[in-house]
Amino acid sequence: MIKVKTRGNESVEQMLKRFKKLCEKEGLTKDIKRKSYYEKPSEQRRRRQRKSVKRQADF
């Protein structure tokens, strides 16, 4: 769970900006975008395979 505490005289806009940055860092926004539409099981499988091949190529 992501929590953002105020820092002194920090405005709401600055806190929101920090919150968005933390969400991006955690990968939350990417996950939300991916789950916002239905993905067929075959597409999920293909995506996972591409991800694993990409990981293996990095080593």
PDB file of N, CA and C in Angstrom:
ATOM      1  N   MET A   1       0.838  -1.172   0.000  1.00  0.00           N
ATOM      2  CA  MET A   1       0.000   0.000   0.000  1.00  0.00           C
ATOM      3  C   MET A   1       0.891   1.245   0.000  1.00  0.00           C
ATOM      4  N   ILE A   2       0.542   2.179  -0.835  1.00  0.00           N
ATOM      5  CA  ILE A   2       1.329   3.399  -0.963  1.00  0.00           C
ATOM      6  C   ILE A   2       0.725   4.475  -0.084  1.00  0.00           C
ATOM      7  N   LYS A   3       1.566   5.082   0.753  1.00  0.00           N
ATOM      8  CA  LYS A   3       1.122   6.164   1.624  1.00  0.00           C
ATOM      9  C   LYS A   3       1.997   7.377   1.368  1.00  0.00           C
ATOM     10  N   VAL A   4       1.360   8.544   1.355  1.00  0.00           N
ATOM     11  CA  VAL A   4       2.087   9.793   1.157  1.00  0.00           C
ATOM     12  C   VAL A   4       1.759  10.705   2.328  1.00  0.00           C
ATOM     13  N   LYS A   5       2.788  11.117   3.054  1.00  0.00           N
ATOM     14  CA  LYS A   5       2.597  12.023   4.190  1.00  0.00           C
ATOM     15  C   LYS A   5       3.023  13.425   3.767  1.00  0.00           C
ATOM     16  N   THR A   6       2.375  14.393   4.378  1.00  0.00           N
ATOM     17  CA  THR A   6       2.697  15.776   4.028  1.00  0.00           C
ATOM     18  C   THR A   6       4.073  16.147   4.561  1.00  0.00           C
ATOM     19  N   ARG A   7       4.725  17.043   3.836  1.00  0.00           N
ATOM     20  CA  ARG A   7       6.044  17.554   4.233  1.00  0.00           C
ATOM     21  C   ARG A   7       5.915  19.061   4.462  1.00  0.00           C
ATOM     22  N   GLY A   8       5.786  19.461   5.688  1.00  0.00           N
ATOM     23  CA  GLY A   8       5.728  20.885   6.010  1.00  0.00           C
ATOM     24  C   GLY A   8       4.581  21.600   5.317  1.00  0.00           C
ATOM     25  N   ASN A   9       4.902  22.611   4.527  1.00  0.00           N
ATOM     26  CA  ASN A   9       3.893  23.410   3.828  1.00  0.00           C
ATOM     27  C   ASN A   9       3.687  22.924   2.401  1.00  0.00           C
ATOM     28  N   GLU A  10       3.672  21.628   2.208  1.00  0.00           N
ATOM     29  CA  GLU A  10       3.516  21.048   0.878  1.00  0.00           C
ATOM     30  C   GLU A  10       2.064  21.154   0.413  1.00  0.00           C
ATOM     31  N   SER A  11       1.869  21.553  -0.839  1.00  0.00           N
ATOM     32  CA  SER A  11       0.519  21.685  -1.370  1.00  0.00           C
ATOM     33  C   SER A  11      -0.023  20.315  -1.785  1.00  0.00           C
ATOM     34  N   VAL A  12      -1.318  20.287  -2.016  1.00  0.00           N
ATOM     35  CA  VAL A  12      -1.982  19.051  -2.419  1.00  0.00           C
ATOM     36  C   VAL A  12      -1.463  18.600  -3.788  1.00  0.00           C
ATOM     37  N   GLU A  13      -1.208  19.565  -4.685  1.00  0.00           N
ATOM     38  CA  GLU A  13      -0.702  19.235  -6.019  1.00  0.00           C
ATOM     39  C   GLU A  13       0.660  18.541  -5.931  1.00  0.00           C
ATOM     40  N   GLN A  14       1.518  19.021  -5.034  1.00  0.00           N
ATOM     41  CA  GLN A  14       2.837  18.398  -4.870  1.00  0.00           C
ATOM     42  C   GLN A  14       2.711  16.993  -4.300  1.00  0.00           C
ATOM     43  N   MET A  15       1.801  16.819  -3.355  1.00  0.00           N
ATOM     44  CA  MET A  15       1.577  15.485  -2.785  1.00  0.00           C
ATOM     45  C   MET A  15       1.045  14.537  -3.847  1.00  0.00           C
ATOM     46  N   LEU A  16       0.121  15.014  -4.666  1.00  0.00           N
ATOM     47  CA  LEU A  16      -0.442  14.192  -5.729  1.00  0.00           C
ATOM     48  C   LEU A  16       0.640  13.797  -6.726  1.00  0.00           C
ATOM     49  N   LYS A  17       1.530  14.719  -7.032  1.00  0.00           N
ATOM     50  CA  LYS A  17       2.635  14.441  -7.945  1.00  0.00           C
ATOM     51  C   LYS A  17       3.549  13.352  -7.369  1.00  0.00           C
ATOM     52  N   ARG A  18       3.854  13.451  -6.064  1.00  0.00           N
ATOM     53  CA  ARG A  18       4.674  12.423  -5.419  1.00  0.00           C
ATOM     54  C   ARG A  18       3.971  11.077  -5.412  1.00  0.00           C
ATOM     55  N   PHE A  19       2.649  11.090  -5.157  1.00  0.00           N
ATOM     56  CA  PHE A  19       1.864   9.858  -5.154  1.00  0.00           C
ATOM     57  C   PHE A  19       1.901   9.183  -6.523  1.00  0.00           C
ATOM     58  N   LYS A  20       1.703   9.970  -7.587  1.00  0.00           N
ATOM     59  CA  LYS A  20       1.732   9.423  -8.940  1.00  0.00           C
ATOM     60  C   LYS A  20       3.095   8.837  -9.265  1.00  0.00           C
ATOM     61  N   LYS A  21       4.145   9.510  -8.827  1.00  0.00           N
ATOM     62  CA  LYS A  21       5.501   9.031  -9.080  1.00  0.00           C
ATOM     63  C   LYS A  21       5.748   7.703  -8.362  1.00  0.00           C
ATOM     64  N   LEU A  22       5.254   7.587  -7.125  1.00  0.00           N
ATOM     65  CA  LEU A  22       5.392   6.333  -6.384  1.00  0.00           C
ATOM     66  C   LEU A  22       4.605   5.204  -7.051  1.00  0.00           C
ATOM     67  N   CYS A  23       3.409   5.524  -7.544  1.00  0.00           N
ATOM     68  CA  CYS A  23       2.593   4.521  -8.235  1.00  0.00           C
ATOM     69  C   CYS A  23       3.315   4.035  -9.487  1.00  0.00           C
ATOM     70  N   GLU A  24       3.910   4.957 -10.208  1.00  0.00           N
ATOM     71  CA  GLU A  24       4.651   4.614 -11.420  1.00  0.00           C
ATOM     72  C   GLU A  24       5.842   3.714 -11.069  1.00  0.00           C
ATOM     73  N   LYS A  25       6.530   4.061  -9.995  1.00  0.00           N
ATOM     74  CA  LYS A  25       7.702   3.290  -9.568  1.00  0.00           C
ATOM     75  C   LYS A  25       7.319   1.866  -9.165  1.00  0.00           C
ATOM     76  N   GLU A  26       6.181   1.716  -8.529  1.00  0.00           N
ATOM     77  CA  GLU A  26       5.704   0.399  -8.091  1.00  0.00           C
ATOM     78  C   GLU A  26       5.131  -0.429  -9.239  1.00  0.00           C
ATOM     79  N   GLY A  27       4.882   0.214 -10.374  1.00  0.00           N
ATOM     80  CA  GLY A  27       4.314  -0.503 -11.504  1.00  0.00           C
ATOM     81  C   GLY A  27       2.801  -0.601 -11.451  1.00  0.00           C
ATOM     82  N   LEU A  28       2.214   0.162 -10.576  1.00  0.00           N
ATOM     83  CA  LEU A  28       0.766   0.124 -10.399  1.00  0.00           C
ATOM     84  C   LEU A  28       0.030   0.654 -11.622  1.00  0.00           C
ATOM     85  N   THR A  29       0.503   1.754 -12.178  1.00  0.00           N
ATOM     86  CA  THR A  29      -0.196   2.343 -13.324  1.00  0.00           C
ATOM     87  C   THR A  29      -0.141   1.417 -14.527  1.00  0.00           C
ATOM     88  N   LYS A  30       0.979   0.759 -14.719  1.00  0.00           N
ATOM     89  CA  LYS A  30       1.105  -0.179 -15.842  1.00  0.00           C
ATOM     90  C   LYS A  30       0.138  -1.346 -15.662  1.00  0.00           C
ATOM     91  N   ASP A  31       0.023  -1.818 -14.436  1.00  0.00           N
ATOM     92  CA  ASP A  31      -0.878  -2.929 -14.141  1.00  0.00           C
ATOM     93  C   ASP A  31      -2.335  -2.528 -14.350  1.00  0.00           C
ATOM     94  N   ILE A  32      -2.704  -1.332 -13.940  1.00  0.00           N
ATOM     95  CA  ILE A  32      -4.082  -0.851 -14.105  1.00  0.00           C
ATOM     96  C   ILE A  32      -4.420  -0.719 -15.578  1.00  0.00           C
ATOM     97  N   LYS A  33      -3.502  -0.166 -16.359  1.00  0.00           N
ATOM     98  CA  LYS A  33      -3.741  -0.019 -17.793  1.00  0.00           C
ATOM     99  C   LYS A  33      -3.896  -1.379 -18.457  1.00  0.00           C
ATOM    100  N   ARG A  34      -3.097  -2.345 -18.037  1.00  0.00           N
ATOM    101  CA  ARG A  34      -3.159  -3.680 -18.626  1.00  0.00           C
ATOM    102  C   ARG A  34      -4.468  -4.375 -18.282  1.00  0.00           C
ATOM    103  N   LYS A  35      -4.976  -4.153 -17.073  1.00  0.00           N
ATOM    104  CA  LYS A  35      -6.205  -4.816 -16.641  1.00  0.00           C
ATOM    105  C   LYS A  35      -7.468  -4.046 -16.995  1.00  0.00           C
ATOM    106  N   SER A  36      -7.332  -2.908 -17.645  1.00  0.00           N
ATOM    107  CA  SER A  36      -8.508  -2.098 -17.958  1.00  0.00           C
ATOM    108  C   SER A  36      -9.314  -2.678 -19.113  1.00  0.00           C
ATOM    109  N   TYR A  37      -8.752  -3.651 -19.814  1.00  0.00           N
ATOM    110  CA  TYR A  37      -9.488  -4.307 -20.893  1.00  0.00           C
ATOM    111  C   TYR A  37      -9.248  -5.811 -20.792  1.00  0.00           C
ATOM    112  N   TYR A  38     -10.132  -6.591 -21.415  1.00  0.00           N
ATOM    113  CA  TYR A  38     -10.023  -8.041 -21.358  1.00  0.00           C
ATOM    114  C   TYR A  38      -8.883  -8.528 -22.247  1.00  0.00           C
ATOM    115  N   GLU A  39      -8.093  -9.409 -21.706  1.00  0.00           N
ATOM    116  CA  GLU A  39      -6.996 -10.005 -22.460  1.00  0.00           C
ATOM    117  C   GLU A  39      -7.240 -11.514 -22.532  1.00  0.00           C
ATOM    118  N   LYS A  40      -7.274 -12.012 -23.749  1.00  0.00           N
ATOM    119  CA  LYS A  40      -7.527 -13.442 -23.933  1.00  0.00           C
ATOM    120  C   LYS A  40      -6.392 -14.251 -23.296  1.00  0.00           C
ATOM    121  N   PRO A  41      -6.703 -15.463 -22.825  1.00  0.00           N
ATOM    122  CA  PRO A  41      -5.670 -16.299 -22.219  1.00  0.00           C
ATOM    123  C   PRO A  41      -4.495 -16.558 -23.158  1.00  0.00           C
ATOM    124  N   SER A  42      -4.759 -16.716 -24.456  1.00  0.00           N
ATOM    125  CA  SER A  42      -3.658 -16.945 -25.399  1.00  0.00           C
ATOM    126  C   SER A  42      -2.753 -15.714 -25.489  1.00  0.00           C
ATOM    127  N   GLU A  43      -3.339 -14.513 -25.394  1.00  0.00           N
ATOM    128  CA  GLU A  43      -2.544 -13.288 -25.407  1.00  0.00           C
ATOM    129  C   GLU A  43      -1.711 -13.176 -24.136  1.00  0.00           C
ATOM    130  N   GLN A  44      -2.285 -13.581 -23.011  1.00  0.00           N
ATOM    131  CA  GLN A  44      -1.547 -13.569 -21.742  1.00  0.00           C
ATOM    132  C   GLN A  44      -0.334 -14.492 -21.835  1.00  0.00           C
ATOM    133  N   ARG A  45      -0.557 -15.680 -22.395  1.00  0.00           N
ATOM    134  CA  ARG A  45       0.525 -16.644 -22.544  1.00  0.00           C
ATOM    135  C   ARG A  45       1.643 -16.082 -23.416  1.00  0.00           C
ATOM    136  N   ARG A  46       1.259 -15.482 -24.546  1.00  0.00           N
ATOM    137  CA  ARG A  46       2.250 -14.904 -25.452  1.00  0.00           C
ATOM    138  C   ARG A  46       3.036 -13.790 -24.782  1.00  0.00           C
ATOM    139  N   ARG A  47       2.352 -12.950 -24.006  1.00  0.00           N
ATOM    140  CA  ARG A  47       3.011 -11.842 -23.318  1.00  0.00           C
ATOM    141  C   ARG A  47       4.014 -12.375 -22.290  1.00  0.00           C
ATOM    142  N   ARG A  48       3.607 -13.400 -21.540  1.00  0.00           N
ATOM    143  CA  ARG A  48       4.514 -13.993 -20.548  1.00  0.00           C
ATOM    144  C   ARG A  48       5.734 -14.628 -21.216  1.00  0.00           C
ATOM    145  N   GLN A  49       5.517 -15.303 -22.334  1.00  0.00           N
ATOM    146  CA  GLN A  49       6.636 -15.926 -23.052  1.00  0.00           C
ATOM    147  C   GLN A  49       7.612 -14.868 -23.557  1.00  0.00           C
ATOM    148  N   ARG A  50       7.077 -13.788 -24.134  1.00  0.00           N
ATOM    149  CA  ARG A  50       7.948 -12.709 -24.611  1.00  0.00           C
ATOM    150  C   ARG A  50       8.738 -12.096 -23.460  1.00  0.00           C
ATOM    151  N   LYS A  51       8.092 -11.950 -22.308  1.00  0.00           N
ATOM    152  CA  LYS A  51       8.742 -11.375 -21.144  1.00  0.00           C
ATOM    153  C   LYS A  51       9.871 -12.286 -20.650  1.00  0.00           C
ATOM    154  N   SER A  52       9.628 -13.607 -20.632  1.00  0.00           N
ATOM    155  CA  SER A  52      10.660 -14.536 -20.169  1.00  0.00           C
ATOM    156  C   SER A  52      11.832 -14.591 -21.144  1.00  0.00           C
ATOM    157  N   VAL A  53      11.543 -14.540 -22.454  1.00  0.00           N
ATOM    158  CA  VAL A  53      12.616 -14.529 -23.448  1.00  0.00           C
ATOM    159  C   VAL A  53      13.442 -13.270 -23.299  1.00  0.00           C
ATOM    160  N   LYS A  54      12.777 -12.158 -23.066  1.00  0.00           N
ATOM    161  CA  LYS A  54      13.473 -10.885 -22.886  1.00  0.00           C
ATOM    162  C   LYS A  54      14.375 -10.942 -21.650  1.00  0.00           C
ATOM    163  N   ARG A  55      13.873 -11.568 -20.565  1.00  0.00           N
ATOM    164  CA  ARG A  55      14.661 -11.710 -19.338  1.00  0.00           C
ATOM    165  C   ARG A  55      15.895 -12.567 -19.576  1.00  0.00           C
ATOM    166  N   GLN A  56      15.730 -13.666 -20.313  1.00  0.00           N
ATOM    167  CA  GLN A  56      16.848 -14.562 -20.590  1.00  0.00           C
ATOM    168  C   GLN A  56      17.883 -13.885 -21.462  1.00  0.00           C
ATOM    169  N   ALA A  57      17.452 -13.042 -22.382  1.00  0.00           N
ATOM    170  CA  ALA A  57      18.375 -12.344 -23.273  1.00  0.00           C
ATOM    171  C   ALA A  57      19.203 -11.308 -22.518  1.00  0.00           C
ATOM    172  N   ASP A  58      18.677 -10.802 -21.401  1.00  0.00           N
ATOM    173  CA  ASP A  58      19.396  -9.790 -20.620  1.00  0.00           C
ATOM    174  C   ASP A  58      20.625 -10.367 -19.918  1.00  0.00           C
ATOM    175  N   PHE A  59      20.623 -11.662 -19.645  1.00  0.00           N
ATOM    176  CA  PHE A  59      21.744 -12.266 -18.919  1.00  0.00           C
ATOM    177  C   PHE A  59      22.882 -12.546 -19.786  1.00  0.00           C
TER     178      PHE A  59
END
